[in-house]
Amino acid sequence: MMRTLLRHLGVAAALALSAVVSVAAQPDAPGLRPEAGPPSSAMPAALQHVRFDQKLDAQLPLDTTFRDEAGHQVQLGRYFGARPVVLAFVYYECPMLCTQILNGLVSGLGVAMINSATQGTRLQGLWMGQLGAIGIGVLLLLVVAATDYRRLADRSPLLLGATLVLLFATLALAPRIAGTRRWLSLGPVQFQPSEFVKIPTVLMLAKYFGSRKSTVLTIKEMMIGTAIFAGPVGLIMLEPDAGQAITYFPILAAMFFLSGVKVRYVILAMVIAAVFIPAAWMVGVKTGKIKTYQQERINAIIDPDSVDPKGFGYHTIQSTITVGKGGLAGIQGDPETSQSVLKFLPEPHTDFIFAVTAENTGFIGCVSLLLAYALLLSRMIAGARQASDRAGMLVIMSIVCGMVFQIFMNVGMALGVLPVIGVPLPLMSAGLSAILSTFVAIGFVVSVKLRRFVN
């Protein structure tokens, strides 16, 4: 057991180290800023008092010249470039470094939990595939970060159109599995196109709302935004995949809120939702559009005692048992008594990865994981505050809202307070499509932040 735990920790540490090295190896660029002023007494007096948590170019031009410690005349923009790359990186981009460390730690923990959840099953060894997906994800993150997000936003109609073609292909060509068509095959690899449609949708919405001159949304602008959003969501609902479709709504909500939606429109939307949702539920039940298993999943939350514990309530009941078994610091004693090892917990490597984490690491581990998510999201929000344009800010904040919603839904499913709808936990759940789309999204966050001084 101890050797297995040490191997898991080694994987997590290796991923964190690889993330640090990959980011630290990026070339130094003008416009990067340190968290604190340079300590050298050779710096000019005006520079000693510059607040480096503000834009450098708003204080001193990067071509400002002064004499360094050796008496040579150098430019401010090249001063830190003469230092070792890692030191310059820490000076300028410590928050970015922290972001990459958090990515590595959370992903590494996910690999360890997948390994634990699949021991002795036909999926044993899945953790190696997840590790490979993370490696590909890191490469994609670096490629996206090195690309100007505004160029991709300008091409968002083409990107969105291409991904919509993939959704049409999914409906036409994907095999029906458990009553749905969600996955396309590319040789031995299966992928879920609905995961990759999110980023073009975000870029398209950010490009549209970011180019507006007014500070208040009009009805027409809201309708255009809703039309952009409705295309991918409608096709995903036809698969059908309600769990994936619902993760798009926080993106649109973030776009509306940050673009200046009027309060009366928000109140009107809430009133309409309060009337429409119950009415739609009743109509759906009577017409059979809402399936029996979907009704039972809701009932399992509202009234757990009324649901068959061996039927539709099985997932929720087993998940809450698994979470409770972890106690304060994780399961004690023989690991063979684990809910996931004994195969009582369904889908432990995807939908219920948080329950497996709770069982293995306990309350302390779960709180630490949520704290890591909070720190990661806080760095992303800081990047949104520093964005050079409104579109960049909207890209980051819509990604943040989408991740927060997924974390909330997945944890709620594991705790038995939300219905089981198949929402993955970002950076943790097994799945090539989910992990790649998350790393690409974080790559766009990095791209916006690296270009915060570019007009």
Protein backbone atom coordinates (compact mmCIF):
# COMPACT_ATOMS: atom_id res chain seq x y z
CA MET A 1 0.00 0.00 0.00
CA MET A 2 2.83 2.39 0.93
CA ARG A 3 4.72 1.63 -2.30
CA THR A 4 1.57 2.31 -4.31
CA LEU A 5 1.03 5.62 -2.50
CA LEU A 6 4.65 6.65 -3.08
CA ARG A 7 4.30 5.81 -6.77
CA HIS A 8 1.19 7.97 -6.97
CA LEU A 9 2.97 10.85 -5.26
CA GLY A 10 5.93 10.38 -7.60
CA VAL A 11 3.66 10.69 -10.64
CA ALA A 12 2.09 13.87 -9.24
CA ALA A 13 5.51 15.37 -8.44
CA ALA A 14 6.84 14.50 -11.91
CA LEU A 15 3.88 16.18 -13.58
CA ALA A 16 4.30 19.27 -11.43
CA LEU A 17 8.01 19.42 -12.22
CA SER A 18 7.38 18.98 -15.94
CA ALA A 19 4.86 21.82 -15.85
CA VAL A 20 7.37 24.10 -14.09
CA VAL A 21 10.17 23.26 -16.53
CA SER A 22 7.96 23.65 -19.61
CA VAL A 23 6.77 27.08 -18.57
CA ALA A 24 10.15 28.25 -17.26
CA ALA A 25 11.66 27.42 -20.63
CA GLN A 26 9.53 30.03 -22.39
CA PRO A 27 11.62 32.90 -23.77
CA ASP A 28 11.62 36.15 -21.88
CA ALA A 29 9.35 38.70 -23.51
CA PRO A 30 8.94 42.44 -23.15
CA GLY A 31 5.92 43.43 -21.17
CA LEU A 32 6.28 40.68 -18.55
CA ARG A 33 6.32 42.03 -15.03
CA PRO A 34 7.71 40.95 -11.67
CA GLU A 35 5.66 40.82 -8.52
CA ALA A 36 8.09 43.11 -6.74
CA GLY A 37 10.59 45.73 -7.82
CA PRO A 38 14.16 44.68 -8.64
CA PRO A 39 16.43 44.81 -5.61
CA SER A 40 19.60 46.04 -7.34
CA SER A 41 20.95 49.39 -6.11
CA ALA A 42 22.24 49.99 -9.65
CA MET A 43 18.69 50.56 -10.81
CA PRO A 44 17.75 54.24 -11.29
CA ALA A 45 15.92 55.90 -8.41
CA ALA A 46 12.74 56.35 -10.45
CA LEU A 47 12.69 52.63 -11.15
CA GLN A 48 13.19 51.72 -7.49
CA HIS A 49 9.76 53.17 -6.68
CA VAL A 50 7.84 51.69 -9.62
CA ARG A 51 4.89 49.57 -8.57
CA PHE A 52 5.54 46.44 -10.60
CA ASP A 53 2.07 45.08 -9.92
CA GLN A 54 0.96 47.71 -12.43
CA LYS A 55 1.76 47.87 -16.13
CA LEU A 56 5.42 48.58 -16.76
CA ASP A 57 4.71 50.56 -19.88
CA ALA A 58 2.37 52.80 -17.90
CA GLN A 59 5.25 53.71 -15.58
CA LEU A 60 8.51 53.59 -17.54
CA PRO A 61 9.03 52.69 -21.21
CA LEU A 62 10.86 49.42 -21.77
CA ASP A 63 13.50 51.31 -23.77
CA THR A 64 14.46 53.39 -20.71
CA THR A 65 18.24 53.18 -20.34
CA PHE A 66 20.39 53.13 -17.21
CA ARG A 67 23.73 51.76 -16.04
CA ASP A 68 23.83 48.27 -14.57
CA GLU A 69 26.11 46.98 -11.79
CA ALA A 70 29.05 46.71 -14.19
CA GLY A 71 28.60 50.27 -15.42
CA HIS A 72 27.26 49.25 -18.82
CA GLN A 73 24.37 51.18 -20.32
CA VAL A 74 21.41 48.84 -20.89
CA GLN A 75 17.71 49.09 -21.61
CA LEU A 76 15.12 48.37 -18.96
CA GLY A 77 13.52 45.75 -21.23
CA ARG A 78 16.81 43.85 -21.40
CA TYR A 79 17.80 44.15 -17.75
CA PHE A 80 16.01 41.06 -16.58
CA GLY A 81 16.73 39.28 -19.84
CA ALA A 82 20.42 39.28 -18.82
CA ARG A 83 19.53 37.24 -15.74
CA PRO A 84 19.13 33.44 -15.77
CA VAL A 85 15.87 32.44 -17.44
CA VAL A 86 14.37 30.82 -14.36
CA LEU A 87 15.13 33.81 -12.11
CA ALA A 88 13.71 36.24 -14.66
CA PHE A 89 10.65 34.04 -14.97
CA VAL A 90 10.11 33.99 -11.19
CA TYR A 91 10.55 37.78 -11.10
CA TYR A 92 8.00 38.38 -13.81
CA GLU A 93 5.60 35.48 -13.84
CA CYS A 94 5.43 33.82 -10.42
CA PRO A 95 1.59 33.64 -10.62
CA MET A 96 1.85 31.87 -13.99
CA LEU A 97 4.34 29.43 -12.51
CA CYS A 98 1.91 28.72 -9.67
CA THR A 99 -0.84 28.08 -12.19
CA GLN A 100 1.21 25.44 -13.98
CA ILE A 101 2.23 23.78 -10.70
CA LEU A 102 -1.44 23.57 -9.70
CA ASN A 103 -2.30 22.07 -13.09
CA GLY A 104 0.34 19.41 -12.60
CA LEU A 105 -0.65 18.59 -9.02
CA VAL A 106 -4.38 18.28 -9.72
CA SER A 107 -3.78 16.24 -12.89
CA GLY A 108 -1.27 14.05 -11.07
CA LEU A 109 -3.74 13.40 -8.27
CA GLY A 110 -6.31 12.49 -10.93
CA VAL A 111 -3.92 9.91 -12.42
CA ALA A 112 -3.34 8.42 -8.96
CA MET A 113 -7.08 8.19 -8.26
CA ILE A 114 -7.78 6.62 -11.66
CA ASN A 115 -5.13 4.01 -10.90
CA SER A 116 -6.78 3.32 -7.53
CA ALA A 117 -10.29 3.15 -9.04
CA THR A 118 -9.38 0.72 -11.83
CA GLN A 119 -7.24 -1.78 -9.89
CA GLY A 120 -8.29 -5.33 -10.70
CA THR A 121 -10.74 -4.30 -13.44
CA ARG A 122 -10.67 -4.53 -17.23
CA LEU A 123 -9.63 -0.85 -17.20
CA GLN A 124 -6.50 -1.49 -15.17
CA GLY A 125 -3.69 0.51 -16.74
CA LEU A 126 -6.05 3.30 -17.83
CA TRP A 127 -3.95 5.67 -15.75
CA MET A 128 -1.12 5.34 -18.29
CA GLY A 129 -3.47 6.51 -21.06
CA GLN A 130 -4.51 9.42 -18.86
CA LEU A 131 -0.85 10.28 -18.30
CA GLY A 132 -0.32 10.31 -22.06
CA ALA A 133 -3.37 12.55 -22.50
CA ILE A 134 -1.95 14.98 -19.95
CA GLY A 135 1.35 15.06 -21.83
CA ILE A 136 -0.47 15.89 -25.08
CA GLY A 137 -2.54 18.44 -23.18
CA VAL A 138 0.57 20.23 -21.90
CA LEU A 139 1.92 20.46 -25.45
CA LEU A 140 -1.39 21.87 -26.70
CA LEU A 141 -1.43 24.34 -23.81
CA LEU A 142 2.01 25.64 -24.82
CA VAL A 143 1.03 25.86 -28.50
CA VAL A 144 -2.15 27.80 -27.68
CA ALA A 145 -0.32 30.04 -25.20
CA ALA A 146 2.25 30.89 -27.88
CA THR A 147 -0.55 31.84 -30.31
CA ASP A 148 -2.23 35.23 -30.20
CA TYR A 149 -5.78 34.53 -29.00
CA ARG A 150 -7.09 37.50 -31.00
CA ARG A 151 -6.05 35.86 -34.26
CA LEU A 152 -7.95 32.74 -33.29
CA ALA A 153 -10.93 34.84 -32.18
CA ASP A 154 -10.95 36.49 -35.62
CA ARG A 155 -11.20 33.00 -37.12
CA SER A 156 -13.79 31.77 -34.61
CA PRO A 157 -16.61 31.48 -37.21
CA LEU A 158 -14.46 29.00 -39.19
CA LEU A 159 -13.47 27.11 -36.03
CA LEU A 160 -17.06 26.94 -34.83
CA GLY A 161 -18.26 25.82 -38.25
CA ALA A 162 -15.67 23.03 -38.35
CA THR A 163 -16.64 21.74 -34.91
CA LEU A 164 -20.34 21.90 -35.80
CA VAL A 165 -19.54 19.66 -38.77
CA LEU A 166 -18.04 17.22 -36.27
CA LEU A 167 -21.28 17.31 -34.27
CA PHE A 168 -23.30 16.56 -37.41
CA ALA A 169 -20.91 13.70 -38.16
CA THR A 170 -21.44 12.40 -34.62
CA LEU A 171 -25.21 12.31 -35.12
CA ALA A 172 -24.82 10.54 -38.47
CA LEU A 173 -21.88 8.20 -37.95
CA ALA A 174 -21.32 7.58 -34.24
CA PRO A 175 -22.42 4.18 -32.90
CA ARG A 176 -25.32 4.21 -30.49
CA ILE A 177 -24.04 3.40 -27.00
CA ALA A 178 -26.50 3.29 -24.08
CA GLY A 179 -29.06 5.08 -26.23
CA THR A 180 -26.82 8.00 -27.22
CA ARG A 181 -24.42 8.97 -30.02
CA ARG A 182 -21.53 10.85 -28.44
CA TRP A 183 -18.21 9.43 -29.61
CA LEU A 184 -16.43 9.33 -32.94
CA SER A 185 -13.61 6.90 -33.64
CA LEU A 186 -10.32 7.89 -35.22
CA GLY A 187 -8.51 4.60 -35.58
CA PRO A 188 -8.05 3.15 -32.09
CA VAL A 189 -8.88 6.49 -30.45
CA GLN A 190 -12.38 7.59 -29.47
CA PHE A 191 -13.12 11.26 -28.86
CA GLN A 192 -16.15 13.32 -27.90
CA PRO A 193 -16.65 16.27 -30.30
CA SER A 194 -19.01 18.08 -27.91
CA GLU A 195 -16.03 18.74 -25.60
CA PHE A 196 -14.09 20.50 -28.35
CA VAL A 197 -16.98 22.74 -29.46
CA LYS A 198 -16.79 24.76 -26.21
CA ILE A 199 -13.65 26.72 -27.09
CA PRO A 200 -14.83 27.93 -30.55
CA THR A 201 -18.17 28.83 -28.95
CA VAL A 202 -16.37 30.85 -26.27
CA LEU A 203 -14.20 32.60 -28.87
CA MET A 204 -17.18 33.42 -31.09
CA LEU A 205 -19.20 34.86 -28.21
CA ALA A 206 -16.19 36.77 -26.82
CA LYS A 207 -15.43 38.21 -30.26
CA TYR A 208 -19.02 39.37 -30.69
CA PHE A 209 -19.61 40.80 -27.22
CA GLY A 210 -16.05 42.14 -26.94
CA SER A 211 -16.37 44.25 -30.08
CA ARG A 212 -19.38 46.15 -28.78
CA LYS A 213 -19.01 49.86 -27.99
CA SER A 214 -21.90 50.22 -25.57
CA THR A 215 -21.78 49.15 -21.92
CA VAL A 216 -25.34 47.83 -21.77
CA LEU A 217 -26.72 44.86 -23.70
CA THR A 218 -29.72 45.32 -25.95
CA ILE A 219 -32.38 42.71 -26.69
CA LYS A 220 -31.02 42.33 -30.22
CA GLU A 221 -27.49 41.64 -28.98
CA MET A 222 -28.77 39.09 -26.49
CA MET A 223 -30.72 37.32 -29.22
CA ILE A 224 -27.66 37.17 -31.49
CA GLY A 225 -25.57 35.76 -28.63
CA THR A 226 -28.27 33.21 -27.86
CA ALA A 227 -28.38 32.19 -31.53
CA ILE A 228 -24.61 31.57 -31.56
CA PHE A 229 -24.99 29.53 -28.38
CA ALA A 230 -28.06 27.59 -29.58
CA GLY A 231 -26.32 25.93 -32.53
CA PRO A 232 -23.90 23.67 -30.64
CA VAL A 233 -26.22 23.15 -27.68
CA GLY A 234 -29.10 22.08 -29.92
CA LEU A 235 -26.95 19.51 -31.73
CA ILE A 236 -25.62 18.15 -28.42
CA MET A 237 -29.18 17.73 -27.13
CA LEU A 238 -29.97 15.67 -30.23
CA GLU A 239 -27.29 13.11 -29.32
CA PRO A 240 -28.77 13.28 -26.57
CA ASP A 241 -26.29 14.46 -23.92
CA ALA A 242 -28.04 16.73 -21.43
CA GLY A 243 -25.08 16.61 -19.04
CA GLN A 244 -22.71 18.05 -21.64
CA ALA A 245 -25.26 20.57 -22.92
CA ILE A 246 -25.90 22.02 -19.47
CA THR A 247 -22.21 22.89 -19.08
CA TYR A 248 -22.57 25.45 -21.89
CA PHE A 249 -25.12 27.59 -20.02
CA PRO A 250 -22.62 29.14 -17.56
CA ILE A 251 -20.61 30.33 -20.56
CA LEU A 252 -23.56 32.28 -21.96
CA ALA A 253 -24.51 33.56 -18.49
CA ALA A 254 -20.97 34.89 -17.97
CA MET A 255 -21.02 36.61 -21.36
CA PHE A 256 -24.34 38.31 -20.62
CA PHE A 257 -23.43 39.37 -17.09
CA LEU A 258 -19.99 40.78 -17.96
CA SER A 259 -21.31 42.52 -21.07
CA GLY A 260 -23.77 44.59 -19.05
CA VAL A 261 -27.14 42.84 -19.09
CA LYS A 262 -29.86 44.95 -17.50
CA VAL A 263 -31.15 43.89 -14.08
CA ARG A 264 -34.73 43.82 -15.28
CA TYR A 265 -33.79 41.27 -17.94
CA VAL A 266 -32.22 39.06 -15.28
CA ILE A 267 -35.35 39.25 -13.13
CA LEU A 268 -37.53 38.54 -16.17
CA ALA A 269 -35.39 35.50 -17.05
CA MET A 270 -35.70 34.18 -13.49
CA VAL A 271 -39.48 34.56 -13.55
CA ILE A 272 -39.73 32.82 -16.92
CA ALA A 273 -37.50 29.99 -15.68
CA ALA A 274 -39.59 29.58 -12.52
CA VAL A 275 -42.70 29.14 -14.67
CA PHE A 276 -41.23 27.32 -17.64
CA ILE A 277 -39.14 24.64 -15.91
CA PRO A 278 -41.99 23.06 -13.89
CA ALA A 279 -44.29 23.29 -16.92
CA ALA A 280 -41.66 21.70 -19.17
CA TRP A 281 -41.13 18.95 -16.59
CA MET A 282 -44.84 18.11 -16.49
CA VAL A 283 -45.14 18.11 -20.28
CA GLY A 284 -41.98 16.06 -20.64
CA VAL A 285 -43.21 13.44 -18.17
CA LYS A 286 -46.62 13.14 -19.81
CA THR A 287 -45.24 12.94 -23.35
CA GLY A 288 -42.36 10.63 -22.46
CA LYS A 289 -39.69 13.12 -23.58
CA ILE A 290 -38.22 12.95 -20.08
CA LYS A 291 -37.23 9.33 -19.69
CA THR A 292 -38.04 7.24 -16.64
CA TYR A 293 -34.40 7.01 -15.57
CA GLN A 294 -34.12 10.81 -15.73
CA GLN A 295 -37.18 11.18 -13.50
CA GLU A 296 -35.80 8.67 -11.03
CA ARG A 297 -32.46 10.45 -10.83
CA ILE A 298 -34.28 13.61 -9.75
CA ASN A 299 -36.41 11.65 -7.28
CA ALA A 300 -33.26 10.08 -5.82
CA ILE A 301 -32.21 13.58 -4.72
CA ILE A 302 -35.60 14.86 -3.60
CA ASP A 303 -36.75 11.71 -1.81
CA PRO A 304 -33.98 9.07 -1.56
CA ASP A 305 -36.16 6.64 0.43
CA SER A 306 -38.68 6.36 -2.40
CA VAL A 307 -36.10 5.13 -4.95
CA ASP A 308 -35.01 1.53 -5.35
CA PRO A 309 -31.49 1.36 -3.79
CA LYS A 310 -30.57 -1.39 -6.27
CA GLY A 311 -32.03 0.48 -9.22
CA PHE A 312 -32.04 4.16 -10.08
CA GLY A 313 -30.85 5.21 -6.63
CA TYR A 314 -27.83 2.91 -6.72
CA HIS A 315 -25.32 5.47 -8.06
CA THR A 316 -26.18 8.14 -5.50
CA ILE A 317 -26.29 5.76 -2.53
CA GLN A 318 -22.99 4.05 -3.35
CA SER A 319 -21.30 7.38 -3.96
CA THR A 320 -22.33 8.80 -0.58
CA ILE A 321 -21.20 5.57 1.13
CA THR A 322 -17.82 5.84 -0.62
CA VAL A 323 -17.38 9.48 0.41
CA GLY A 324 -18.28 8.70 4.02
CA LYS A 325 -15.89 5.78 4.18
CA GLY A 326 -12.90 8.07 3.69
CA GLY A 327 -13.34 9.71 7.08
CA LEU A 328 -10.87 12.39 8.07
CA ALA A 329 -7.68 11.19 6.34
CA GLY A 330 -8.73 8.39 3.98
CA ILE A 331 -9.62 4.75 4.20
CA GLN A 332 -7.76 2.92 6.97
CA GLY A 333 -6.75 -0.72 7.04
CA ASP A 334 -7.09 -3.21 4.20
CA PRO A 335 -7.59 -1.47 0.83
CA GLU A 336 -9.54 -4.51 -0.32
CA THR A 337 -12.50 -3.14 1.66
CA SER A 338 -12.62 -0.11 -0.66
CA GLN A 339 -15.95 0.56 -2.36
CA SER A 340 -14.23 1.20 -5.68
CA VAL A 341 -11.91 -1.83 -5.42
CA LEU A 342 -14.90 -4.07 -4.62
CA LYS A 343 -16.69 -2.55 -7.65
CA PHE A 344 -19.68 -1.25 -5.74
CA LEU A 345 -19.14 2.28 -7.03
CA PRO A 346 -20.12 2.67 -10.72
CA GLU A 347 -17.94 4.74 -13.08
CA PRO A 348 -15.37 5.51 -10.36
CA HIS A 349 -12.78 6.80 -12.85
CA THR A 350 -15.04 9.38 -14.51
CA ASP A 351 -18.31 10.60 -12.98
CA PHE A 352 -17.40 9.63 -9.41
CA ILE A 353 -13.69 10.38 -9.32
CA PHE A 354 -14.33 12.82 -6.45
CA ALA A 355 -15.89 10.02 -4.39
CA VAL A 356 -12.77 7.89 -4.99
CA THR A 357 -10.63 10.86 -3.93
CA ALA A 358 -12.70 11.24 -0.76
CA GLU A 359 -12.33 7.55 0.05
CA ASN A 360 -8.56 7.52 -0.48
CA THR A 361 -7.61 10.89 1.00
CA GLY A 362 -10.52 11.69 3.31
CA PHE A 363 -11.86 15.09 4.29
CA ILE A 364 -8.35 16.56 4.40
CA GLY A 365 -7.60 15.46 0.84
CA CYS A 366 -10.92 16.77 -0.50
CA VAL A 367 -10.43 20.16 1.13
CA SER A 368 -6.88 20.30 -0.26
CA LEU A 369 -8.17 19.48 -3.75
CA LEU A 370 -10.86 22.15 -3.59
CA LEU A 371 -8.27 24.63 -2.29
CA ALA A 372 -6.03 23.80 -5.28
CA TYR A 373 -8.97 24.46 -7.60
CA ALA A 374 -9.69 27.75 -5.81
CA LEU A 375 -6.07 28.89 -6.19
CA LEU A 376 -6.01 27.90 -9.86
CA LEU A 377 -9.25 29.74 -10.58
CA SER A 378 -8.08 32.79 -8.64
CA ARG A 379 -4.97 33.04 -10.84
CA MET A 380 -7.17 32.77 -13.91
CA ILE A 381 -9.42 35.56 -12.62
CA ALA A 382 -6.34 37.69 -11.98
CA GLY A 383 -5.44 37.17 -15.63
CA ALA A 384 -8.90 38.39 -16.66
CA ARG A 385 -8.41 41.59 -14.66
CA GLN A 386 -5.14 42.22 -16.52
CA ALA A 387 -6.46 41.46 -20.02
CA SER A 388 -5.69 44.11 -22.62
CA ASP A 389 -9.16 44.03 -24.16
CA ARG A 390 -12.71 43.08 -23.32
CA ALA A 391 -12.67 39.99 -25.52
CA GLY A 392 -9.71 38.55 -23.60
CA MET A 393 -11.45 39.17 -20.32
CA LEU A 394 -14.61 37.47 -21.58
CA VAL A 395 -12.62 34.45 -22.80
CA ILE A 396 -11.03 33.91 -19.40
CA MET A 397 -14.14 34.54 -17.30
CA SER A 398 -16.34 32.28 -19.41
CA ILE A 399 -13.75 29.49 -19.04
CA VAL A 400 -13.63 30.13 -15.28
CA CYS A 401 -17.42 30.00 -14.98
CA GLY A 402 -17.56 26.79 -16.99
CA MET A 403 -14.93 25.13 -14.77
CA VAL A 404 -16.62 26.31 -11.56
CA PHE A 405 -19.92 24.90 -12.76
CA GLN A 406 -18.36 21.53 -13.63
CA ILE A 407 -16.61 21.30 -10.26
CA PHE A 408 -19.86 22.20 -8.47
CA MET A 409 -21.90 19.65 -10.42
CA ASN A 410 -19.41 16.79 -10.10
CA VAL A 411 -18.86 17.30 -6.38
CA GLY A 412 -22.61 17.67 -5.87
CA MET A 413 -23.20 14.38 -7.69
CA ALA A 414 -20.64 12.62 -5.49
CA LEU A 415 -22.20 14.01 -2.32
CA GLY A 416 -25.71 13.04 -3.40
CA VAL A 417 -27.11 16.57 -3.46
CA LEU A 418 -27.36 16.87 -7.26
CA PRO A 419 -28.68 14.43 -9.89
CA VAL A 420 -26.24 12.17 -11.73
CA ILE A 421 -25.89 13.70 -15.20
CA GLY A 422 -22.36 12.70 -16.20
CA VAL A 423 -20.37 15.92 -15.77
CA PRO A 424 -16.59 15.25 -15.53
CA LEU A 425 -14.36 16.82 -12.87
CA PRO A 426 -11.85 19.12 -14.66
CA LEU A 427 -8.27 17.78 -14.78
CA MET A 428 -9.27 14.74 -12.70
CA SER A 429 -11.79 12.56 -14.56
CA ALA A 430 -10.49 10.03 -17.06
CA GLY A 431 -11.11 10.86 -20.70
CA LEU A 432 -8.99 12.07 -23.59
CA SER A 433 -11.50 14.65 -24.83
CA ALA A 434 -12.18 16.17 -21.40
CA ILE A 435 -8.52 16.49 -20.42
CA LEU A 436 -7.43 17.94 -23.78
CA SER A 437 -10.25 20.49 -23.92
CA THR A 438 -9.43 21.63 -20.37
CA PHE A 439 -5.73 22.11 -21.13
CA VAL A 440 -6.56 23.98 -24.34
CA ALA A 441 -8.91 26.26 -22.36
CA ILE A 442 -6.17 26.99 -19.82
CA GLY A 443 -3.83 27.64 -22.75
CA PHE A 444 -6.15 30.45 -23.88
CA VAL A 445 -6.03 31.90 -20.36
CA VAL A 446 -2.23 31.92 -20.55
CA SER A 447 -2.35 33.45 -24.05
CA VAL A 448 -4.51 36.34 -22.84
CA LYS A 449 -2.30 36.98 -19.83
CA LEU A 450 0.96 36.92 -21.81
CA ARG A 451 -0.45 39.59 -24.14
CA ARG A 452 -1.84 41.90 -21.50
CA PHE A 453 0.45 44.76 -22.60
CA VAL A 454 -0.21 44.33 -26.34
CA ASN A 455 -2.68 46.75 -27.88
